[in-house]
C-alpha atoms as a PDB file:
ATOM      1  CA  MET A   1      77.454 -39.265 -63.606  1.00  0.00           C
ATOM      2  CA  LYS A   2      77.899 -42.917 -62.663  1.00  0.00           C
ATOM      3  CA  LYS A   3      75.502 -44.045 -59.967  1.00  0.00           C
ATOM      4  CA  THR A   4      76.786 -46.034 -57.010  1.00  0.00           C
ATOM      5  CA  ARG A   5      74.772 -49.167 -56.319  1.00  0.00           C
ATOM      6  CA  LEU A   6      74.070 -50.012 -52.695  1.00  0.00           C
ATOM      7  CA  LEU A   7      74.255 -53.633 -51.627  1.00  0.00           C
ATOM      8  CA  THR A   8      71.134 -54.633 -49.759  1.00  0.00           C
ATOM      9  CA  LEU A   9      71.086 -57.679 -47.511  1.00  0.00           C
ATOM     10  CA  PRO A  10      68.263 -59.475 -45.749  1.00  0.00           C
ATOM     11  CA  LEU A  11      67.891 -58.348 -42.133  1.00  0.00           C
ATOM     12  CA  SER A  12      68.762 -61.768 -40.704  1.00  0.00           C
ATOM     13  CA  VAL A  13      72.038 -61.886 -42.653  1.00  0.00           C
ATOM     14  CA  ALA A  14      72.937 -58.369 -41.566  1.00  0.00           C
ATOM     15  CA  LEU A  15      72.386 -59.244 -37.905  1.00  0.00           C
ATOM     16  CA  ILE A  16      74.618 -62.299 -38.185  1.00  0.00           C
ATOM     17  CA  ILE A  17      77.441 -60.262 -39.735  1.00  0.00           C
ATOM     18  CA  CYS A  18      77.106 -57.596 -37.001  1.00  0.00           C
ATOM     19  CA  SER A  19      77.242 -60.222 -34.271  1.00  0.00           C
ATOM     20  CA  LEU A  20      80.481 -61.562 -35.718  1.00  0.00           C
ATOM     21  CA  LEU A  21      82.131 -58.184 -36.126  1.00  0.00           C
ATOM     22  CA  LEU A  22      81.019 -56.391 -32.959  1.00  0.00           C
ATOM     23  CA  PRO A  23      81.888 -57.436 -29.364  1.00  0.00           C
ATOM     24  CA  SER A  24      78.957 -58.617 -27.302  1.00  0.00           C
ATOM     25  CA  PRO A  25      78.675 -56.874 -23.895  1.00  0.00           C
ATOM     26  CA  LEU A  26      76.539 -59.705 -22.552  1.00  0.00           C
ATOM     27  CA  SER A  27      79.017 -62.411 -23.539  1.00  0.00           C
ATOM     28  CA  TYR A  28      81.947 -60.419 -22.155  1.00  0.00           C
ATOM     29  CA  SER A  29      80.148 -59.765 -18.894  1.00  0.00           C
ATOM     30  CA  GLY A  30      79.309 -63.468 -18.483  1.00  0.00           C
ATOM     31  CA  THR A  31      82.869 -64.551 -19.219  1.00  0.00           C
ATOM     32  CA  ALA A  32      84.337 -61.966 -16.864  1.00  0.00           C
ATOM     33  CA  HIS A  33      81.954 -63.011 -14.102  1.00  0.00           C
ATOM     34  CA  ALA A  34      82.813 -66.692 -14.587  1.00  0.00           C
ATOM     35  CA  GLN A  35      86.527 -65.912 -14.499  1.00  0.00           C
ATOM     36  CA  GLU A  36      86.062 -63.810 -11.365  1.00  0.00           C
ATOM     37  CA  GLN A  37      84.134 -66.633  -9.656  1.00  0.00           C
ATOM     38  CA  ALA A  38      86.782 -69.200 -10.664  1.00  0.00           C
ATOM     39  CA  SER A  39      89.572 -66.951  -9.378  1.00  0.00           C
ATOM     40  CA  ALA A  40      87.750 -66.427  -6.075  1.00  0.00           C
ATOM     41  CA  ALA A  41      87.200 -70.179  -5.700  1.00  0.00           C
ATOM     42  CA  ASP A  42      90.888 -70.889  -6.306  1.00  0.00           C
ATOM     43  CA  SER A  43      91.939 -68.446  -3.573  1.00  0.00           C
ATOM     44  CA  ALA A  44      89.225 -69.375  -1.047  1.00  0.00           C
ATOM     45  CA  VAL A  45      90.484 -70.430   2.367  1.00  0.00           C
ATOM     46  CA  MET A  46      87.263 -70.154   4.403  1.00  0.00           C
ATOM     47  CA  LYS A  47      83.568 -70.782   3.855  1.00  0.00           C
ATOM     48  CA  VAL A  48      80.835 -69.271   6.016  1.00  0.00           C
ATOM     49  CA  THR A  49      77.182 -70.354   5.850  1.00  0.00           C
ATOM     50  CA  LEU A  50      74.236 -68.667   7.516  1.00  0.00           C
ATOM     51  CA  LEU A  51      72.210 -71.607   8.817  1.00  0.00           C
ATOM     52  CA  GLY A  52      69.687 -69.371  10.545  1.00  0.00           C
ATOM     53  CA  THR A  53      69.257 -65.607  10.241  1.00  0.00           C
ATOM     54  CA  GLY A  54      66.207 -65.154  12.437  1.00  0.00           C
ATOM     55  CA  SER A  55      65.283 -64.265  15.997  1.00  0.00           C
ATOM     56  CA  PRO A  56      62.836 -65.557  18.618  1.00  0.00           C
ATOM     57  CA  LEU A  57      60.035 -64.705  16.141  1.00  0.00           C
ATOM     58  CA  LEU A  58      58.597 -67.846  14.548  1.00  0.00           C
ATOM     59  CA  SER A  59      59.427 -68.082  10.853  1.00  0.00           C
ATOM     60  CA  MET A  60      59.793 -70.807   8.237  1.00  0.00           C
ATOM     61  CA  GLU A  61      62.037 -68.544   6.173  1.00  0.00           C
ATOM     62  CA  ARG A  62      64.382 -67.453   8.969  1.00  0.00           C
ATOM     63  CA  PHE A  63      65.353 -70.176  11.442  1.00  0.00           C
ATOM     64  CA  GLY A  64      67.084 -69.375  14.739  1.00  0.00           C
ATOM     65  CA  PRO A  65      70.589 -67.862  14.850  1.00  0.00           C
ATOM     66  CA  ALA A  66      73.316 -70.272  13.724  1.00  0.00           C
ATOM     67  CA  THR A  67      76.425 -69.798  11.585  1.00  0.00           C
ATOM     68  CA  LEU A  68      78.781 -72.468  10.258  1.00  0.00           C
ATOM     69  CA  VAL A  69      82.437 -71.583   9.652  1.00  0.00           C
ATOM     70  CA  GLU A  70      84.571 -74.034   7.655  1.00  0.00           C
ATOM     71  CA  ALA A  71      88.313 -73.403   7.640  1.00  0.00           C
ATOM     72  CA  GLY A  72      90.743 -76.094   6.606  1.00  0.00           C
ATOM     73  CA  SER A  73      89.689 -79.289   8.363  1.00  0.00           C
ATOM     74  CA  GLU A  74      87.713 -77.416  11.037  1.00  0.00           C
ATOM     75  CA  GLN A  75      83.909 -77.116  11.084  1.00  0.00           C
ATOM     76  CA  LEU A  76      82.840 -74.648  13.764  1.00  0.00           C
ATOM     77  CA  LEU A  77      79.245 -73.848  14.689  1.00  0.00           C
ATOM     78  CA  PHE A  78      78.400 -70.488  16.236  1.00  0.00           C
ATOM     79  CA  ASP A  79      75.106 -70.551  18.151  1.00  0.00           C
ATOM     80  CA  ALA A  80      72.486 -73.258  17.674  1.00  0.00           C
ATOM     81  CA  GLY A  81      69.085 -71.694  17.271  1.00  0.00           C
ATOM     82  CA  ARG A  82      65.844 -73.292  16.164  1.00  0.00           C
ATOM     83  CA  GLY A  83      66.340 -75.674  13.231  1.00  0.00           C
ATOM     84  CA  ALA A  84      70.156 -75.689  13.147  1.00  0.00           C
ATOM     85  CA  ALA A  85      70.304 -79.466  12.639  1.00  0.00           C
ATOM     86  CA  LEU A  86      67.755 -79.281   9.821  1.00  0.00           C
ATOM     87  CA  ARG A  87      69.704 -76.575   7.997  1.00  0.00           C
ATOM     88  CA  LEU A  88      72.909 -78.614   8.340  1.00  0.00           C
ATOM     89  CA  ASN A  89      71.083 -81.559   6.805  1.00  0.00           C
ATOM     90  CA  GLN A  90      69.995 -79.382   3.885  1.00  0.00           C
ATOM     91  CA  LEU A  91      73.696 -78.763   3.221  1.00  0.00           C
ATOM     92  CA  SER A  92      74.314 -82.545   3.297  1.00  0.00           C
ATOM     93  CA  ILE A  93      76.259 -82.074   6.539  1.00  0.00           C
ATOM     94  CA  MET A  94      75.247 -84.517   9.241  1.00  0.00           C
ATOM     95  CA  PRO A  95      74.866 -83.086  12.776  1.00  0.00           C
ATOM     96  CA  GLY A  96      77.293 -85.790  13.861  1.00  0.00           C
ATOM     97  CA  GLU A  97      80.030 -84.044  11.858  1.00  0.00           C
ATOM     98  CA  ILE A  98      79.779 -81.080  14.227  1.00  0.00           C
ATOM     99  CA  ASP A  99      81.591 -81.428  17.555  1.00  0.00           C
ATOM    100  CA  LYS A 100      82.475 -77.783  18.307  1.00  0.00           C
ATOM    101  CA  LEU A 101      79.913 -75.125  19.230  1.00  0.00           C
ATOM    102  CA  PHE A 102      80.602 -71.547  20.321  1.00  0.00           C
ATOM    103  CA  LEU A 103      77.793 -69.624  22.038  1.00  0.00           C
ATOM    104  CA  THR A 104      77.529 -65.850  21.973  1.00  0.00           C
ATOM    105  CA  HIS A 105      75.194 -65.784  24.990  1.00  0.00           C
ATOM    106  CA  LEU A 106      72.623 -67.966  26.686  1.00  0.00           C
ATOM    107  CA  HIS A 107      69.327 -66.592  25.388  1.00  0.00           C
ATOM    108  CA  SER A 108      67.062 -69.470  24.352  1.00  0.00           C
ATOM    109  CA  ASP A 109      66.851 -68.465  20.684  1.00  0.00           C
ATOM    110  CA  HIS A 110      70.622 -69.125  20.447  1.00  0.00           C
ATOM    111  CA  THR A 111      70.627 -72.395  22.407  1.00  0.00           C
ATOM    112  CA  ILE A 112      67.326 -74.164  21.782  1.00  0.00           C
ATOM    113  CA  GLY A 113      68.798 -76.178  18.909  1.00  0.00           C
ATOM    114  CA  ILE A 114      71.630 -77.615  21.003  1.00  0.00           C
ATOM    115  CA  PRO A 115      69.916 -80.904  21.964  1.00  0.00           C
ATOM    116  CA  ASP A 116      69.056 -81.600  18.327  1.00  0.00           C
ATOM    117  CA  VAL A 117      72.597 -81.047  17.012  1.00  0.00           C
ATOM    118  CA  TRP A 118      74.157 -82.817  20.008  1.00  0.00           C
ATOM    119  CA  LEU A 119      71.869 -85.826  20.506  1.00  0.00           C
ATOM    120  CA  THR A 120      70.623 -86.395  16.957  1.00  0.00           C
ATOM    121  CA  GLY A 121      74.255 -86.158  15.858  1.00  0.00           C
ATOM    122  CA  SER A 122      75.087 -89.202  17.969  1.00  0.00           C
ATOM    123  CA  LEU A 123      72.748 -91.442  15.957  1.00  0.00           C
ATOM    124  CA  PRO A 124      74.006 -93.711  13.150  1.00  0.00           C
ATOM    125  CA  THR A 125      71.454 -92.089  10.821  1.00  0.00           C
ATOM    126  CA  ALA A 126      72.811 -88.577  11.472  1.00  0.00           C
ATOM    127  CA  GLY A 127      76.578 -88.979  11.400  1.00  0.00           C
ATOM    128  CA  LYS A 128      77.208 -90.821  14.674  1.00  0.00           C
ATOM    129  CA  ARG A 129      79.647 -88.386  16.252  1.00  0.00           C
ATOM    130  CA  SER A 130      82.641 -90.307  17.603  1.00  0.00           C
ATOM    131  CA  THR A 131      84.054 -87.594  19.888  1.00  0.00           C
ATOM    132  CA  PRO A 132      82.537 -85.547  22.741  1.00  0.00           C
ATOM    133  CA  PHE A 133      80.390 -82.548  21.821  1.00  0.00           C
ATOM    134  CA  GLN A 134      82.333 -79.479  23.006  1.00  0.00           C
ATOM    135  CA  VAL A 135      80.612 -76.189  23.792  1.00  0.00           C
ATOM    136  CA  TRP A 136      82.330 -72.889  24.561  1.00  0.00           C
ATOM    137  CA  GLY A 137      80.347 -69.936  25.885  1.00  0.00           C
ATOM    138  CA  PRO A 138      79.871 -67.323  28.604  1.00  0.00           C
ATOM    139  CA  ALA A 139      79.678 -68.081  32.309  1.00  0.00           C
ATOM    140  CA  GLY A 140      76.876 -70.591  32.830  1.00  0.00           C
ATOM    141  CA  THR A 141      77.649 -72.664  29.733  1.00  0.00           C
ATOM    142  CA  LYS A 142      79.310 -75.482  31.665  1.00  0.00           C
ATOM    143  CA  GLU A 143      76.385 -75.692  34.089  1.00  0.00           C
ATOM    144  CA  MET A 144      73.825 -75.544  31.275  1.00  0.00           C
ATOM    145  CA  MET A 145      75.414 -78.464  29.418  1.00  0.00           C
ATOM    146  CA  ALA A 146      75.620 -80.506  32.636  1.00  0.00           C
ATOM    147  CA  ASN A 147      71.936 -79.820  33.252  1.00  0.00           C
ATOM    148  CA  LEU A 148      71.070 -80.816  29.682  1.00  0.00           C
ATOM    149  CA  GLU A 149      72.874 -84.123  30.194  1.00  0.00           C
ATOM    150  CA  GLU A 150      70.801 -84.619  33.335  1.00  0.00           C
ATOM    151  CA  ALA A 151      67.570 -83.689  31.547  1.00  0.00           C
ATOM    152  CA  PHE A 152      68.250 -86.254  28.802  1.00  0.00           C
ATOM    153  CA  HIS A 153      69.766 -88.837  31.179  1.00  0.00           C
ATOM    154  CA  ASP A 154      67.229 -91.587  30.437  1.00  0.00           C
ATOM    155  CA  ASP A 155      67.565 -91.121  26.684  1.00  0.00           C
ATOM    156  CA  ILE A 156      71.385 -91.127  26.827  1.00  0.00           C
ATOM    157  CA  GLU A 157      71.684 -94.172  29.064  1.00  0.00           C
ATOM    158  CA  GLY A 158      69.019 -96.030  27.105  1.00  0.00           C
ATOM    159  CA  ARG A 159      70.879 -95.549  23.842  1.00  0.00           C
ATOM    160  CA  LYS A 160      74.182 -96.638  25.397  1.00  0.00           C
ATOM    161  CA  GLU A 161      72.527 -99.776  26.759  1.00  0.00           C
ATOM    162  CA  ASN A 162      70.764-100.526  23.483  1.00  0.00           C
ATOM    163  CA  GLN A 163      73.883-100.186  21.341  1.00  0.00           C
ATOM    164  CA  LYS A 164      76.247-101.830  23.833  1.00  0.00           C
ATOM    165  CA  GLU A 165      79.033 -99.299  23.295  1.00  0.00           C
ATOM    166  CA  ALA A 166      80.427 -96.155  24.879  1.00  0.00           C
ATOM    167  CA  LEU A 167      78.990 -93.654  22.314  1.00  0.00           C
ATOM    168  CA  ASP A 168      81.410 -90.830  23.071  1.00  0.00           C
ATOM    169  CA  GLY A 169      79.376 -88.528  20.831  1.00  0.00           C
ATOM    170  CA  LEU A 170      76.693 -88.419  23.523  1.00  0.00           C
ATOM    171  CA  THR A 171      79.096 -86.794  25.978  1.00  0.00           C
ATOM    172  CA  ALA A 172      78.724 -83.010  26.236  1.00  0.00           C
ATOM    173  CA  VAL A 173      81.552 -80.848  27.569  1.00  0.00           C
ATOM    174  CA  GLY A 174      80.732 -77.237  28.417  1.00  0.00           C
ATOM    175  CA  GLN A 175      83.433 -74.621  28.980  1.00  0.00           C
ATOM    176  CA  ASP A 176      82.981 -71.135  30.431  1.00  0.00           C
ATOM    177  CA  ILE A 177      85.171 -68.660  28.571  1.00  0.00           C
ATOM    178  CA  GLU A 178      86.639 -65.199  29.037  1.00  0.00           C
ATOM    179  CA  GLU A 179      87.895 -62.691  26.483  1.00  0.00           C
ATOM    180  CA  GLY A 180      90.812 -63.734  24.328  1.00  0.00           C
ATOM    181  CA  VAL A 181      91.815 -66.793  22.318  1.00  0.00           C
ATOM    182  CA  VAL A 182      89.420 -69.600  23.252  1.00  0.00           C
ATOM    183  CA  TYR A 183      90.338 -72.148  20.569  1.00  0.00           C
ATOM    184  CA  GLU A 184      93.399 -72.740  18.404  1.00  0.00           C
ATOM    185  CA  LYS A 185      94.000 -75.826  16.313  1.00  0.00           C
ATOM    186  CA  ASN A 186      95.003 -76.757  12.761  1.00  0.00           C
ATOM    187  CA  GLY A 187      95.862 -73.134  12.018  1.00  0.00           C
ATOM    188  CA  VAL A 188      92.385 -71.907  13.030  1.00  0.00           C
ATOM    189  CA  GLN A 189      92.120 -69.368  15.833  1.00  0.00           C
ATOM    190  CA  VAL A 190      88.894 -68.312  17.555  1.00  0.00           C
ATOM    191  CA  VAL A 191      88.984 -65.085  19.572  1.00  0.00           C
ATOM    192  CA  ALA A 192      86.140 -64.068  21.902  1.00  0.00           C
ATOM    193  CA  PHE A 193      85.438 -60.439  22.782  1.00  0.00           C
ATOM    194  CA  LEU A 194      82.819 -58.802  24.989  1.00  0.00           C
ATOM    195  CA  VAL A 195      79.792 -57.119  23.418  1.00  0.00           C
ATOM    196  CA  ASP A 196      76.874 -55.238  24.977  1.00  0.00           C
ATOM    197  CA  HIS A 197      73.524 -57.059  25.207  1.00  0.00           C
ATOM    198  CA  PRO A 198      71.905 -56.325  28.561  1.00  0.00           C
ATOM    199  CA  PRO A 199      70.891 -57.987  30.751  1.00  0.00           C
ATOM    200  CA  MET A 200      72.840 -60.978  29.356  1.00  0.00           C
ATOM    201  CA  GLU A 201      76.280 -60.408  30.814  1.00  0.00           C
ATOM    202  CA  PRO A 202      78.715 -61.492  29.650  1.00  0.00           C
ATOM    203  CA  SER A 203      77.802 -61.725  25.971  1.00  0.00           C
ATOM    204  CA  TYR A 204      80.442 -62.374  23.325  1.00  0.00           C
ATOM    205  CA  GLY A 205      81.238 -61.794  19.700  1.00  0.00           C
ATOM    206  CA  TYR A 206      83.801 -63.960  17.907  1.00  0.00           C
ATOM    207  CA  ARG A 207      86.555 -63.497  15.362  1.00  0.00           C
ATOM    208  CA  VAL A 208      87.812 -66.544  13.451  1.00  0.00           C
ATOM    209  CA  ASN A 209      91.285 -66.190  11.907  1.00  0.00           C
ATOM    210  CA  TYR A 210      92.757 -68.558   9.326  1.00  0.00           C
ATOM    211  CA  LYS A 211      95.630 -68.109   6.859  1.00  0.00           C
ATOM    212  CA  GLY A 212      95.533 -64.319   6.965  1.00  0.00           C
ATOM    213  CA  HIS A 213      91.753 -64.076   6.552  1.00  0.00           C
ATOM    214  CA  SER A 214      88.912 -63.720   9.024  1.00  0.00           C
ATOM    215  CA  VAL A 215      85.212 -63.555   9.754  1.00  0.00           C
ATOM    216  CA  VAL A 216      83.680 -61.668  12.684  1.00  0.00           C
ATOM    217  CA  ILE A 217      80.319 -62.625  14.210  1.00  0.00           C
ATOM    218  CA  SER A 218      78.822 -59.875  16.364  1.00  0.00           C
ATOM    219  CA  GLY A 219      76.396 -61.929  18.406  1.00  0.00           C
ATOM    220  CA  ASP A 220      73.553 -59.904  19.949  1.00  0.00           C
ATOM    221  CA  THR A 221      74.720 -56.405  20.773  1.00  0.00           C
ATOM    222  CA  ARG A 222      73.898 -52.746  20.615  1.00  0.00           C
ATOM    223  CA  TYR A 223      76.406 -50.305  19.103  1.00  0.00           C
ATOM    224  CA  ASN A 224      79.738 -51.380  20.570  1.00  0.00           C
ATOM    225  CA  GLU A 225      83.201 -49.810  20.300  1.00  0.00           C
ATOM    226  CA  LYS A 226      84.992 -53.015  21.304  1.00  0.00           C
ATOM    227  CA  LEU A 227      83.387 -54.861  18.404  1.00  0.00           C
ATOM    228  CA  ILE A 228      84.650 -52.146  16.052  1.00  0.00           C
ATOM    229  CA  GLN A 229      88.195 -52.572  17.376  1.00  0.00           C
ATOM    230  CA  GLN A 230      88.087 -56.365  17.107  1.00  0.00           C
ATOM    231  CA  ALA A 231      86.542 -56.353  13.635  1.00  0.00           C
ATOM    232  CA  LYS A 232      88.977 -54.000  11.898  1.00  0.00           C
ATOM    233  CA  GLY A 233      90.774 -55.681   9.020  1.00  0.00           C
ATOM    234  CA  THR A 234      88.243 -58.501   8.742  1.00  0.00           C
ATOM    235  CA  ASP A 235      87.067 -59.871   5.409  1.00  0.00           C
ATOM    236  CA  LEU A 236      83.502 -60.623   6.467  1.00  0.00           C
ATOM    237  CA  LEU A 237      81.494 -58.962   9.257  1.00  0.00           C
ATOM    238  CA  ILE A 238      78.234 -60.690  10.209  1.00  0.00           C
ATOM    239  CA  HIS A 239      76.223 -58.283  12.346  1.00  0.00           C
ATOM    240  CA  GLU A 240      72.834 -58.403  14.014  1.00  0.00           C
ATOM    241  CA  VAL A 241      70.143 -55.797  13.262  1.00  0.00           C
ATOM    242  CA  ALA A 242      66.755 -54.789  14.653  1.00  0.00           C
ATOM    243  CA  ALA A 243      64.050 -52.538  13.233  1.00  0.00           C
ATOM    244  CA  ALA A 244      60.451 -51.504  13.786  1.00  0.00           C
ATOM    245  CA  LYS A 245      57.959 -49.275  12.010  1.00  0.00           C
ATOM    246  CA  PRO A 246      59.224 -45.678  12.222  1.00  0.00           C
ATOM    247  CA  ASP A 247      56.015 -44.404  13.786  1.00  0.00           C
ATOM    248  CA  ASN A 248      55.963 -47.021  16.561  1.00  0.00           C
ATOM    249  CA  HIS A 249      57.266 -45.373  19.723  1.00  0.00           C
ATOM    250  CA  SER A 250      55.763 -47.804  22.218  1.00  0.00           C
ATOM    251  CA  PRO A 251      57.923 -48.392  25.317  1.00  0.00           C
ATOM    252  CA  ALA A 252      57.964 -52.156  24.688  1.00  0.00           C
ATOM    253  CA  ILE A 253      59.321 -51.796  21.145  1.00  0.00           C
ATOM    254  CA  GLN A 254      61.836 -49.141  22.134  1.00  0.00           C
ATOM    255  CA  LYS A 255      63.087 -51.334  24.991  1.00  0.00           C
ATOM    256  CA  ILE A 256      63.838 -54.171  22.568  1.00  0.00           C
ATOM    257  CA  LEU A 257      65.549 -51.841  20.111  1.00  0.00           C
ATOM    258  CA  SER A 258      67.726 -50.438  22.902  1.00  0.00           C
ATOM    259  CA  LYS A 259      69.304 -53.882  23.372  1.00  0.00           C
ATOM    260  CA  HIS A 260      70.095 -54.354  19.678  1.00  0.00           C
ATOM    261  CA  THR A 261      71.575 -52.417  16.743  1.00  0.00           C
ATOM    262  CA  THR A 262      69.471 -50.386  14.328  1.00  0.00           C
ATOM    263  CA  PRO A 263      70.458 -50.102  10.644  1.00  0.00           C
ATOM    264  CA  GLU A 264      71.669 -46.548  11.239  1.00  0.00           C
ATOM    265  CA  GLU A 265      73.854 -47.652  14.144  1.00  0.00           C
ATOM    266  CA  ALA A 266      75.171 -50.641  12.189  1.00  0.00           C
ATOM    267  CA  ALA A 267      76.131 -48.251   9.375  1.00  0.00           C
ATOM    268  CA  LYS A 268      78.422 -46.412  11.810  1.00  0.00           C
ATOM    269  CA  VAL A 269      80.035 -49.735  12.743  1.00  0.00           C
ATOM    270  CA  PHE A 270      80.555 -50.764   9.114  1.00  0.00           C
ATOM    271  CA  GLN A 271      81.883 -47.349   8.151  1.00  0.00           C
ATOM    272  CA  GLN A 272      84.616 -47.603  10.784  1.00  0.00           C
ATOM    273  CA  VAL A 273      85.451 -51.279  10.245  1.00  0.00           C
ATOM    274  CA  GLN A 274      85.357 -51.226   6.420  1.00  0.00           C
ATOM    275  CA  PRO A 275      85.028 -54.997   5.916  1.00  0.00           C
ATOM    276  CA  LYS A 276      85.217 -56.430   2.425  1.00  0.00           C
ATOM    277  CA  LEU A 277      81.591 -57.431   2.955  1.00  0.00           C
ATOM    278  CA  ALA A 278      79.068 -56.660   5.692  1.00  0.00           C
ATOM    279  CA  VAL A 279      76.164 -59.065   6.234  1.00  0.00           C
ATOM    280  CA  TYR A 280      73.037 -58.783   8.339  1.00  0.00           C
ATOM    281  CA  SER A 281      71.947 -61.839  10.321  1.00  0.00           C
ATOM    282  CA  HIS A 282      69.864 -62.324  13.484  1.00  0.00           C
ATOM    283  CA  ILE A 283      67.354 -60.024  11.822  1.00  0.00           C
ATOM    284  CA  VAL A 284      64.791 -58.784  14.356  1.00  0.00           C
ATOM    285  CA  LEU A 285      61.773 -57.212  12.630  1.00  0.00           C
ATOM    286  CA  LEU A 286      59.248 -55.959  15.168  1.00  0.00           C
ATOM    287  CA  ASP A 287      55.589 -54.964  15.076  1.00  0.00           C
ATOM    288  CA  GLY A 288      54.811 -57.037  11.979  1.00  0.00           C
ATOM    289  CA  LEU A 289      57.439 -55.314   9.856  1.00  0.00           C
ATOM    290  CA  SER A 290      58.182 -57.245   6.657  1.00  0.00           C
ATOM    291  CA  ASP A 291      61.582 -57.667   5.010  1.00  0.00           C
ATOM    292  CA  ALA A 292      60.459 -55.460   2.125  1.00  0.00           C
ATOM    293  CA  ASP A 293      59.112 -52.701   4.338  1.00  0.00           C
ATOM    294  CA  ALA A 294      62.116 -52.784   6.684  1.00  0.00           C
ATOM    295  CA  ASN A 295      64.403 -51.334   3.967  1.00  0.00           C
ATOM    296  CA  LEU A 296      67.446 -52.440   5.971  1.00  0.00           C
ATOM    297  CA  ALA A 297      69.949 -51.951   3.144  1.00  0.00           C
ATOM    298  CA  VAL A 298      68.505 -48.580   2.119  1.00  0.00           C
ATOM    299  CA  ARG A 299      68.593 -47.275   5.677  1.00  0.00           C
ATOM    300  CA  THR A 300      72.160 -48.515   6.150  1.00  0.00           C
ATOM    301  CA  ASN A 301      73.487 -47.183   2.858  1.00  0.00           C
ATOM    302  CA  LYS A 302      72.492 -43.641   3.713  1.00  0.00           C
ATOM    303  CA  THR A 303      75.700 -43.409   5.752  1.00  0.00           C
ATOM    304  CA  TYR A 304      77.653 -46.524   4.688  1.00  0.00           C
ATOM    305  CA  ASP A 305      78.991 -46.759   1.161  1.00  0.00           C
ATOM    306  CA  GLY A 306      80.506 -50.250   1.312  1.00  0.00           C
ATOM    307  CA  LYS A 307      79.206 -53.644   0.240  1.00  0.00           C
ATOM    308  CA  LEU A 308      76.261 -54.904   2.296  1.00  0.00           C
ATOM    309  CA  VAL A 309      74.040 -57.979   2.062  1.00  0.00           C
ATOM    310  CA  VAL A 310      70.865 -58.746   3.995  1.00  0.00           C
ATOM    311  CA  GLY A 311      71.448 -62.385   4.885  1.00  0.00           C
ATOM    312  CA  GLN A 312      69.157 -65.305   4.112  1.00  0.00           C
ATOM    313  CA  ASP A 313      69.124 -68.796   5.555  1.00  0.00           C
ATOM    314  CA  LEU A 314      71.634 -71.026   3.719  1.00  0.00           C
ATOM    315  CA  MET A 315      73.356 -68.086   2.041  1.00  0.00           C
ATOM    316  CA  SER A 316      77.101 -68.774   2.012  1.00  0.00           C
ATOM    317  CA  PHE A 317      80.315 -66.831   1.517  1.00  0.00           C
ATOM    318  CA  THR A 318      83.761 -67.907   0.395  1.00  0.00           C
ATOM    319  CA  ILE A 319      86.664 -65.886   1.769  1.00  0.00           C
ATOM    320  CA  GLY A 320      89.980 -65.540   0.005  1.00  0.00           C
ATOM    321  CA  ASP A 321      91.453 -62.721  -2.048  1.00  0.00           C
ATOM    322  CA  GLN A 322      87.803 -61.761  -2.523  1.00  0.00           C
ATOM    323  CA  VAL A 323      84.600 -62.465  -0.638  1.00  0.00           C
ATOM    324  CA  THR A 324      82.006 -64.060  -2.891  1.00  0.00           C
ATOM    325  CA  ILE A 325      78.332 -64.658  -2.182  1.00  0.00           C
ATOM    326  CA  LYS A 326      76.365 -67.801  -2.987  1.00  0.00           C
ATOM    327  CA  GLU A 327      72.605 -67.496  -2.847  1.00  0.00           C
ATOM    328  CA  PRO A 328      70.544 -70.362  -1.357  1.00  0.00           C
ATOM    329  CA  HIS A 329      69.390 -72.989  -3.859  1.00  0.00           C
ATOM    330  CA  VAL A 330      65.838 -72.437  -5.044  1.00  0.00           C
ATOM    331  CA  GLY A 331      63.510 -74.761  -3.167  1.00  0.00           C
ATOM    332  CA  LEU A 332      65.593 -75.108  -0.017  1.00  0.00           C
ATOM    333  CA  ILE A 333      63.791 -72.219   1.666  1.00  0.00           C
ATOM    334  CA  PRO A 334      59.958 -72.085   1.519  1.00  0.00           C
END
């Protein structure tokens, strides 16, 4: 019988031949992901950036509540919590480029950054805003902005005198709003709707519509049916959340939780709205609870099977045919 001789090859040569003949799952996955990202970028019509995802709690990782929405030529800021101007600067956006601010309510953690965005933005070194700084918000907003102008009167007048010009960017115009369309320009529509955050009444959430796409910002609220109605059909739903250690039943903690939305309650909202992407911001972690121990996504996903992200400062989202997520650059957040 004639023996068949087997061809033996060195291992390295065999691996090279296999790599040429067989498809590589890793290469395919990378290519597909790149194509998906490119396609999403081509269709993007809105960009949303979480400037601050925190609460009144002091944190270098989570600054105060603030969200930037960019649609067409419009740059709209929603709330101006602690550090909003600094986060804008990290994005290479000067505070002076921002002349429209929408407030969900008048709690200090949502408003304490106003003077920095407003006044610093009037300086030549920070964009030198050339138009008045406009602020929309619940009843009391107009009075608050007038009082802020009075509080900073000496600074404002001193700068006008020093620079020998009108400096329109130093002018602040507050407007008290009601439910409905509060802003409409360049194809961008901002709709305000009532939410439930006692004792701050009224408190508002906002929906921004542009070219058939939208983002909804809940503001501070507990579980709210009106928010569900207003958010249906949205691409991106940015919702507040609050949590404490499960075994902490102290009246003080429970009182705070009763004014906000727990992960389980938020899951009910998301399940009914069915956004393309749900995002947590204004993250209130009580009683020393850490992000890791809070398990916000795990608790939510027990009853919500859609896409959910726990927001971080400077995380951004592009909205188009798809909603894509961009993580913050390494080094921007401590």
